[in-house]
């Protein structure tokens, strides 16, 4: 299932991903820091929602209370719940 998440509190404005069961693939960001937003999708491709949350949830960026990585963890959880009508 393709899913689009509107980020909150980050330089990136949107995250797009594909979720099948618990596995996340094809992550892409709109906006944000170019290098990080190429690296993060490469590192999480094929991971489960739980793995992504375990690695990325709670990461902050500078003085912000969130980050693109933290927002990806939130996006994955939201996509998983939407897919399963939770």
Protein backbone atom coordinates (compact mmCIF):
# COMPACT_ATOMS: atom_id res chain seq x y z
CA UNK A 1 0.00 0.00 0.00
CA UNK A 2 1.34 3.42 -0.92
CA UNK A 3 1.12 5.92 1.94
CA UNK A 4 1.78 9.65 2.18
CA UNK A 5 2.47 11.32 5.52
CA UNK A 6 2.57 15.09 6.08
CA UNK A 7 5.44 15.80 8.46
CA UNK A 8 5.19 18.11 11.46
CA UNK A 9 8.06 20.23 12.79
CA UNK A 10 10.72 19.31 10.24
CA UNK A 11 12.31 20.79 7.13
CA UNK A 12 10.89 17.94 5.07
CA UNK A 13 7.21 18.40 4.34
CA UNK A 14 6.13 14.93 3.26
CA UNK A 15 7.15 11.27 3.45
CA UNK A 16 5.99 8.70 0.93
CA UNK A 17 6.41 4.99 1.55
CA UNK A 18 5.14 1.59 0.59
CA UNK A 19 3.99 -0.82 3.29
CA UNK A 20 3.13 -4.48 2.80
CA UNK A 21 2.27 -6.27 6.02
CA UNK A 22 4.91 -5.02 8.44
CA UNK A 23 7.63 -4.31 5.84
CA UNK A 24 8.40 -0.79 4.63
CA UNK A 25 9.99 -0.05 1.24
CA UNK A 26 10.35 2.79 -1.25
CA UNK A 27 10.68 5.59 1.33
CA UNK A 28 11.12 9.09 -0.09
CA UNK A 29 11.08 12.54 1.46
CA UNK A 30 10.03 15.90 0.03
CA UNK A 31 12.32 18.67 1.28
CA UNK A 32 14.84 18.41 4.07
CA UNK A 33 18.60 17.74 4.12
CA UNK A 34 19.51 16.04 0.86
CA UNK A 35 22.18 13.64 2.16
CA UNK A 36 20.28 12.46 5.21
CA UNK A 37 17.13 11.97 3.21
CA UNK A 38 18.94 9.73 0.75
CA UNK A 39 20.65 7.75 3.51
CA UNK A 40 17.63 7.12 5.72
CA UNK A 41 15.55 5.38 3.00
CA UNK A 42 18.53 3.20 2.05
CA UNK A 43 19.03 2.14 5.66
CA UNK A 44 15.39 1.27 6.42
CA UNK A 45 14.40 -0.35 3.11
CA UNK A 46 12.80 -3.71 3.91
CA UNK A 47 12.71 -3.17 7.68
CA UNK A 48 9.60 -3.76 9.75
CA UNK A 49 7.64 -0.94 11.33
CA UNK A 50 8.84 -2.11 14.74
CA UNK A 51 12.50 -2.11 13.65
CA UNK A 52 12.17 1.41 12.23
CA UNK A 53 10.48 2.67 15.39
CA UNK A 54 13.16 1.06 17.53
CA UNK A 55 15.96 2.76 15.61
CA UNK A 56 14.46 6.16 14.78
CA UNK A 57 11.66 7.13 17.19
CA UNK A 58 12.63 9.97 19.48
CA UNK A 59 15.60 11.25 17.47
CA UNK A 60 15.72 15.05 17.54
CA UNK A 61 17.26 17.58 15.15
CA UNK A 62 19.05 20.51 16.77
CA UNK A 63 16.65 22.36 19.04
CA UNK A 64 13.58 20.68 17.50
CA UNK A 65 11.69 18.02 19.46
CA UNK A 66 11.49 15.82 16.35
CA UNK A 67 13.49 15.03 13.22
CA UNK A 68 12.92 13.59 9.77
CA UNK A 69 13.92 10.19 11.18
CA UNK A 70 11.44 10.52 14.07
CA UNK A 71 8.74 11.60 11.63
CA UNK A 72 9.48 8.51 9.50
CA UNK A 73 8.89 6.31 12.55
CA UNK A 74 5.54 8.05 13.08
CA UNK A 75 4.68 7.74 9.37
CA UNK A 76 5.38 4.00 9.40
CA UNK A 77 3.17 3.42 12.43
CA UNK A 78 0.37 5.51 10.93
CA UNK A 79 0.64 3.64 7.60
CA UNK A 80 0.59 0.27 9.38
CA UNK A 81 -2.52 1.23 11.32
CA UNK A 82 -4.24 2.59 8.19
CA UNK A 83 -3.42 -0.61 6.31
CA UNK A 84 -4.93 -2.68 9.10
CA UNK A 85 -7.85 -0.33 9.82
CA UNK A 86 -6.76 0.12 13.44
